[in-house]
């Protein structure tokens, strides 16, 4: 078969076939009387083998070795190709993400594009100062897509930079709460914590709704941050979790303060007092937990809390009794 016919049947151009021949990859089995290259069926099979290996990303040099070296084993080369392909996909994905974020910023001209690129690079800088400046400038100077701010906030370990990113997110507009809520499902505890901390500083009903959902999260840290944030927002649904925190000694002082804020509402105050009393009466909590529950009653107004303190002033646990008596004195002095 002559080179033109081989090119038509194989889809490999005559020029490429000559290039293969120059590299020693394919050698036509013979020549016609006129000197034209003549390819056998075995030559054509080798051409198809070459094209198959090229489709896997092998170089022509690697293909020659694979076809001609009897001792060649493909496993190491295939593993290397897998690694290279993954690296290439990661780089292309990163580029696509950056282009989408530039598009979302909707820059007016190339100057705006360059500003967005510079800010996105600064958010990923190794310098904490550079990242912090980028977070602070993202609000007024260059509008950065909320997705970029969320990604930065969920990966930031420096507390100052993290605070700046949460501040920027709180002023970023729509979309932030839902993206942050996705971080609550991360398998990494630090990411979940950053997500709920950021949600706690996001204003509006959407963030509050996500925080309410987080009260049922399996991670006690997430539940705690959500309850404290909801307490500050006056959401009574946080009461059971806040009481749990007092019993367990997790941020119990902050939890008691949050309960005091919620207790400004008379109905909620009675609910809180009843919850604290129930845990004192029926919980298997040890003495330190009973002491914390008694102290938490100090910030709860109303007759339910007052009656509970009177009863606790006669508690068999002397520390609890003394605490309750002291709190009653303070209430009487008000």
Protein backbone atom coordinates (compact mmCIF):
# COMPACT_ATOMS: atom_id res chain seq x y z
CA UNK A 1 0.00 0.00 0.00
CA UNK A 2 1.41 3.37 -1.03
CA UNK A 3 1.79 6.30 1.37
CA UNK A 4 -1.22 8.21 0.03
CA UNK A 5 -3.55 5.28 0.56
CA UNK A 6 -2.09 4.66 4.05
CA UNK A 7 -2.71 8.31 4.93
CA UNK A 8 -6.33 8.09 3.79
CA UNK A 9 -7.03 4.88 5.70
CA UNK A 10 -5.17 5.73 8.90
CA UNK A 11 -5.99 9.44 9.16
CA UNK A 12 -2.27 10.18 9.56
CA UNK A 13 -0.98 12.69 7.04
CA UNK A 14 1.71 11.70 4.57
CA UNK A 15 3.95 14.38 6.09
CA UNK A 16 3.58 12.83 9.56
CA UNK A 17 4.24 9.36 8.17
CA UNK A 18 7.51 10.66 6.70
CA UNK A 19 8.31 12.20 10.10
CA UNK A 20 7.68 8.85 11.78
CA UNK A 21 10.03 7.24 9.27
CA UNK A 22 12.74 9.84 9.95
CA UNK A 23 12.53 8.98 13.67
CA UNK A 24 12.66 5.26 12.99
CA UNK A 25 9.17 4.65 14.32
CA UNK A 26 7.80 3.19 11.06
CA UNK A 27 9.89 1.78 8.25
CA UNK A 28 8.02 0.86 5.07
CA UNK A 29 8.61 -2.80 4.30
CA UNK A 30 9.47 -2.14 0.70
CA UNK A 31 9.61 0.11 -2.33
CA UNK A 32 7.87 -0.06 -5.67
CA UNK A 33 9.78 -0.26 -8.88
CA UNK A 34 9.43 3.50 -9.14
CA UNK A 35 10.91 3.97 -5.65
CA UNK A 36 7.69 4.80 -3.82
CA UNK A 37 7.27 3.69 -0.21
CA UNK A 38 5.17 0.57 0.15
CA UNK A 39 3.59 -0.31 3.49
CA UNK A 40 2.63 -3.81 4.55
CA UNK A 41 -0.29 -4.77 6.77
CA UNK A 42 2.16 -5.09 9.68
CA UNK A 43 3.44 -1.55 9.02
CA UNK A 44 -0.11 -0.23 9.12
CA UNK A 45 -0.79 -2.02 12.39
CA UNK A 46 2.29 -0.34 13.84
CA UNK A 47 0.99 3.05 12.68
CA UNK A 48 -2.28 2.44 14.51
CA UNK A 49 -0.33 1.38 17.61
CA UNK A 50 1.63 4.63 17.47
CA UNK A 51 -1.53 6.70 17.21
CA UNK A 52 -3.14 4.81 20.09
CA UNK A 53 -0.17 5.52 22.35
CA UNK A 54 -0.10 9.16 21.24
CA UNK A 55 -3.72 9.46 22.36
CA UNK A 56 -2.56 8.56 25.88
CA UNK A 57 -0.14 11.47 25.92
CA UNK A 58 3.09 9.57 25.28
CA UNK A 59 5.86 11.37 23.45
CA UNK A 60 7.17 9.89 20.20
CA UNK A 61 10.36 8.94 22.00
CA UNK A 62 8.40 7.09 24.68
CA UNK A 63 6.32 5.40 21.98
CA UNK A 64 9.44 4.14 20.22
CA UNK A 65 10.74 2.68 23.48
CA UNK A 66 7.37 1.09 24.30
CA UNK A 67 7.13 -0.61 20.89
CA UNK A 68 10.76 -1.70 20.45
CA UNK A 69 12.05 -2.53 23.94
CA UNK A 70 11.03 -6.14 24.82
CA UNK A 71 11.71 -5.49 28.51
CA UNK A 72 9.62 -2.33 28.67
CA UNK A 73 6.93 -2.33 31.37
CA UNK A 74 4.24 0.31 31.03
CA UNK A 75 3.18 0.61 34.68
CA UNK A 76 5.71 3.27 35.72
CA UNK A 77 5.10 5.30 32.57
CA UNK A 78 1.32 5.08 32.96
CA UNK A 79 1.61 6.18 36.62
CA UNK A 80 3.68 9.16 35.52
CA UNK A 81 1.13 10.03 32.84
CA UNK A 82 -1.64 9.89 35.45
CA UNK A 83 0.33 12.28 37.69
CA UNK A 84 1.02 14.69 34.82
CA UNK A 85 -2.63 14.61 33.73
CA UNK A 86 -3.86 15.34 37.25
CA UNK A 87 -1.45 18.25 37.55
CA UNK A 88 -2.60 19.59 34.19
CA UNK A 89 -6.28 19.26 35.13
CA UNK A 90 -5.64 21.01 38.46
CA UNK A 91 -3.87 23.88 36.69
CA UNK A 92 -6.63 24.20 34.09
CA UNK A 93 -9.31 24.08 36.80
CA UNK A 94 -7.53 26.82 38.73
CA UNK A 95 -7.32 28.94 35.59
CA UNK A 96 -11.01 28.38 34.82
CA UNK A 97 -11.95 29.37 38.39
CA UNK A 98 -9.89 32.55 38.12
CA UNK A 99 -11.46 33.46 34.76
CA UNK A 100 -14.97 32.91 36.15
CA UNK A 101 -14.22 35.14 39.09
CA UNK A 102 -12.88 37.88 36.85
CA UNK A 103 -16.02 37.58 34.74
CA UNK A 104 -18.21 37.76 37.87
CA UNK A 105 -16.45 40.98 38.93
CA UNK A 106 -17.60 42.47 35.60
CA UNK A 107 -14.61 44.81 35.11
CA UNK A 108 -15.21 47.80 32.86
CA UNK A 109 -11.88 47.51 31.04
CA UNK A 110 -8.47 45.91 31.07
CA UNK A 111 -7.41 48.09 33.97
CA UNK A 112 -10.25 46.60 35.98
CA UNK A 113 -9.27 43.08 34.90
CA UNK A 114 -5.70 43.65 36.08
CA UNK A 115 -6.94 45.01 39.41
CA UNK A 116 -9.10 41.94 40.00
CA UNK A 117 -6.24 39.62 39.05
CA UNK A 118 -3.88 41.43 41.42
CA UNK A 119 -6.41 41.22 44.26
CA UNK A 120 -7.08 37.52 43.69
CA UNK A 121 -3.34 36.85 43.70
CA UNK A 122 -2.97 38.86 46.92
CA UNK A 123 -5.70 36.78 48.58
CA UNK A 124 -3.57 33.71 47.88
CA UNK A 125 -0.28 35.32 48.91
CA UNK A 126 2.06 33.68 51.43
CA UNK A 127 2.22 37.03 53.23
CA UNK A 128 -0.47 37.47 55.90
CA UNK A 129 -0.17 41.25 55.58
CA UNK A 130 -0.82 41.06 51.84
CA UNK A 131 -3.85 38.83 52.37
CA UNK A 132 -5.24 41.14 55.02
CA UNK A 133 -4.82 44.23 52.83
CA UNK A 134 -6.52 42.41 49.97
CA UNK A 135 -9.46 41.45 52.18
CA UNK A 136 -9.90 45.01 53.43
CA UNK A 137 -9.62 46.56 49.99
CA UNK A 138 -12.04 44.07 48.43
CA UNK A 139 -15.02 46.03 49.75
CA UNK A 140 -14.37 49.55 48.51
CA UNK A 141 -11.61 49.43 45.90
CA UNK A 142 -12.14 46.34 43.73
CA UNK A 143 -15.29 44.20 43.90
CA UNK A 144 -14.19 40.62 44.47
CA UNK A 145 -16.64 37.77 43.80
CA UNK A 146 -18.05 36.40 47.05
CA UNK A 147 -16.93 32.90 46.04
CA UNK A 148 -13.29 34.02 46.22
CA UNK A 149 -13.80 35.57 49.65
CA UNK A 150 -15.50 32.43 50.96
CA UNK A 151 -12.71 30.20 49.66
CA UNK A 152 -10.12 32.46 51.30
CA UNK A 153 -12.06 32.60 54.59
CA UNK A 154 -12.41 28.81 54.79
CA UNK A 155 -8.68 28.28 54.27
CA UNK A 156 -7.31 31.16 56.39
CA UNK A 157 -5.46 30.24 59.58
CA UNK A 158 -4.15 33.68 60.59
CA UNK A 159 -6.70 35.19 63.04
CA UNK A 160 -6.18 38.78 61.87
CA UNK A 161 -6.59 37.91 58.20
CA UNK A 162 -9.57 35.69 59.03
CA UNK A 163 -11.24 38.59 60.84
CA UNK A 164 -10.68 40.88 57.85
CA UNK A 165 -12.14 38.27 55.49
CA UNK A 166 -15.22 37.80 57.68
CA UNK A 167 -15.65 41.59 57.76
CA UNK A 168 -15.44 41.68 53.96
CA UNK A 169 -17.88 38.79 53.62
CA UNK A 170 -20.41 40.53 55.85
CA UNK A 171 -20.42 43.41 53.35
CA UNK A 172 -20.24 41.34 50.18
CA UNK A 173 -23.95 41.06 49.44
CA UNK A 174 -25.88 37.96 48.41
CA UNK A 175 -24.51 34.45 48.00
CA UNK A 176 -22.16 34.30 50.96
CA UNK A 177 -24.30 32.40 53.49
CA UNK A 178 -25.11 29.51 51.15
CA UNK A 179 -21.46 29.11 50.14
CA UNK A 180 -20.32 29.23 53.76
CA UNK A 181 -22.95 26.65 54.69
CA UNK A 182 -21.31 24.24 52.24
CA UNK A 183 -18.18 24.53 54.38
CA UNK A 184 -20.13 23.12 57.34
CA UNK A 185 -20.09 19.77 55.55
CA UNK A 186 -16.31 19.69 55.19
CA UNK A 187 -14.50 16.64 56.60
CA UNK A 188 -11.92 19.04 58.06
CA UNK A 189 -12.85 20.35 61.52
CA UNK A 190 -10.94 23.62 61.06
CA UNK A 191 -12.86 24.39 57.86
CA UNK A 192 -16.20 23.72 59.59
CA UNK A 193 -15.20 26.04 62.42
CA UNK A 194 -14.20 28.83 60.02
CA UNK A 195 -17.46 28.39 58.12
CA UNK A 196 -19.67 28.78 61.19
CA UNK A 197 -17.58 31.68 62.52
CA UNK A 198 -18.05 33.48 59.21
CA UNK A 199 -21.77 32.72 59.16
CA UNK A 200 -22.02 34.14 62.69
CA UNK A 201 -20.87 37.50 61.35
CA UNK A 202 -23.08 37.50 58.27
CA UNK A 203 -26.17 39.71 58.63
CA UNK A 204 -29.65 38.87 57.46
CA UNK A 205 -32.25 36.17 57.65
CA UNK A 206 -30.48 33.73 55.33
CA UNK A 207 -27.44 33.50 57.61
CA UNK A 208 -29.73 33.12 60.64
CA UNK A 209 -31.55 30.24 58.93
CA UNK A 210 -28.28 28.42 58.24
CA UNK A 211 -27.19 28.97 61.84
CA UNK A 212 -30.47 27.48 63.08
CA UNK A 213 -29.82 24.40 60.93
CA UNK A 214 -26.32 24.22 62.43
CA UNK A 215 -27.81 23.69 65.91
CA UNK A 216 -28.35 20.07 64.84
CA UNK A 217 -24.83 19.67 63.43
CA UNK A 218 -22.90 16.61 64.70
CA UNK A 219 -19.85 18.80 65.44
CA UNK A 220 -20.18 20.26 68.95
CA UNK A 221 -17.93 23.18 68.01
CA UNK A 222 -20.22 24.13 65.12
CA UNK A 223 -23.28 23.83 67.36
CA UNK A 224 -21.64 26.03 69.97
CA UNK A 225 -20.72 28.86 67.62
CA UNK A 226 -24.17 28.72 66.04
CA UNK A 227 -25.91 28.88 69.42
CA UNK A 228 -23.82 31.85 70.60
CA UNK A 229 -24.51 33.73 67.37
CA UNK A 230 -28.22 32.99 67.52
CA UNK A 231 -28.35 34.03 71.17
CA UNK A 232 -26.92 37.40 70.21
CA UNK A 233 -29.62 37.65 67.52
CA UNK A 234 -32.39 36.92 70.01
CA UNK A 235 -33.27 33.50 68.59
CA UNK A 236 -34.78 31.37 71.36
CA UNK A 237 -34.10 28.15 69.42
CA UNK A 238 -30.53 28.37 70.70
CA UNK A 239 -31.55 27.92 74.38
CA UNK A 240 -31.20 24.10 74.63
CA UNK A 241 -27.76 24.14 73.01
CA UNK A 242 -26.60 27.00 75.24
CA UNK A 243 -27.69 25.06 78.32
CA UNK A 244 -25.83 21.99 76.99
CA UNK A 245 -22.71 24.13 76.70
CA UNK A 246 -23.02 25.19 80.34
CA UNK A 247 -23.44 21.59 81.49
CA UNK A 248 -20.48 20.42 79.42
CA UNK A 249 -18.28 23.39 80.32
CA UNK A 250 -17.75 24.48 76.70
CA UNK A 251 -17.61 28.27 76.49
CA UNK A 252 -19.99 28.16 79.43
CA UNK A 253 -19.43 31.81 80.39
CA UNK A 254 -20.27 32.99 76.88
CA UNK A 255 -23.26 30.64 76.82
CA UNK A 256 -24.56 32.08 80.12
CA UNK A 257 -24.12 35.61 78.74
CA UNK A 258 -26.10 34.63 75.64
CA UNK A 259 -28.88 33.26 77.82
CA UNK A 260 -28.96 36.57 79.74
CA UNK A 261 -29.44 38.42 76.44
CA UNK A 262 -32.26 36.10 75.42
CA UNK A 263 -33.85 36.47 78.87
CA UNK A 264 -34.75 40.10 78.12
CA UNK A 265 -37.99 38.60 76.77
CA UNK A 266 -40.23 37.49 79.67
CA UNK A 267 -41.51 34.34 77.97
CA UNK A 268 -38.01 33.31 76.95
CA UNK A 269 -36.71 34.08 80.46
CA UNK A 270 -39.17 31.59 81.96
CA UNK A 271 -38.23 29.03 79.30
CA UNK A 272 -34.52 29.45 80.12
CA UNK A 273 -35.08 29.25 83.87
CA UNK A 274 -37.18 26.12 83.48
CA UNK A 275 -34.50 24.54 81.30
CA UNK A 276 -31.76 25.30 83.80
CA UNK A 277 -33.85 23.97 86.71
CA UNK A 278 -34.72 20.80 84.81
CA UNK A 279 -31.06 20.11 84.16
CA UNK A 280 -30.26 20.73 87.82
CA UNK A 281 -33.02 18.40 88.97
CA UNK A 282 -32.77 15.56 86.49
CA UNK A 283 -29.36 15.75 84.91
CA UNK A 284 -26.63 13.41 86.03
CA UNK A 285 -24.21 16.32 85.89
CA UNK A 286 -21.37 16.33 88.35
CA UNK A 287 -20.86 19.05 90.95
CA UNK A 288 -18.98 21.49 88.66
CA UNK A 289 -21.80 21.36 86.10
CA UNK A 290 -24.42 21.98 88.82
CA UNK A 291 -22.38 24.97 89.96
CA UNK A 292 -22.28 26.40 86.43
CA UNK A 293 -26.03 25.91 86.02
CA UNK A 294 -26.64 27.71 89.31
CA UNK A 295 -24.41 30.61 88.27
CA UNK A 296 -26.26 30.85 84.94
CA UNK A 297 -29.48 31.59 86.86
CA UNK A 298 -27.91 34.87 87.99
CA UNK A 299 -28.61 36.54 84.67
CA UNK A 300 -32.17 35.27 84.32
CA UNK A 301 -34.93 37.56 85.64
CA UNK A 302 -38.37 36.45 86.79
CA UNK A 303 -40.01 34.41 89.51
CA UNK A 304 -39.06 31.00 88.09
CA UNK A 305 -35.35 31.73 88.41
CA UNK A 306 -35.87 33.36 91.86
CA UNK A 307 -37.74 30.32 93.21
CA UNK A 308 -35.06 28.02 91.86
CA UNK A 309 -32.34 30.00 93.64
CA UNK A 310 -34.27 29.86 96.93
CA UNK A 311 -34.46 26.08 96.68
CA UNK A 312 -30.81 25.80 95.66
CA UNK A 313 -29.74 27.88 98.65
CA UNK A 314 -30.63 24.78 100.71
CA UNK A 315 -28.94 22.33 98.34
CA UNK A 316 -26.92 19.50 99.89
CA UNK A 317 -23.97 20.57 97.73
CA UNK A 318 -22.51 23.35 99.88
CA UNK A 319 -20.85 25.10 96.94
CA UNK A 320 -24.17 25.23 95.07
CA UNK A 321 -26.02 26.41 98.20
CA UNK A 322 -23.54 29.20 98.86
CA UNK A 323 -23.62 30.33 95.23
CA UNK A 324 -27.43 30.41 95.22
CA UNK A 325 -27.54 32.35 98.51
CA UNK A 326 -25.07 34.88 97.18
CA UNK A 327 -27.06 35.35 93.97
CA UNK A 328 -30.25 35.87 96.00
CA UNK A 329 -28.52 38.63 97.93
CA UNK A 330 -27.51 40.31 94.70
CA UNK A 331 -31.05 40.11 93.37
CA UNK A 332 -32.42 41.62 96.60
CA UNK A 333 -29.95 44.51 96.38
CA UNK A 334 -31.06 45.50 92.89
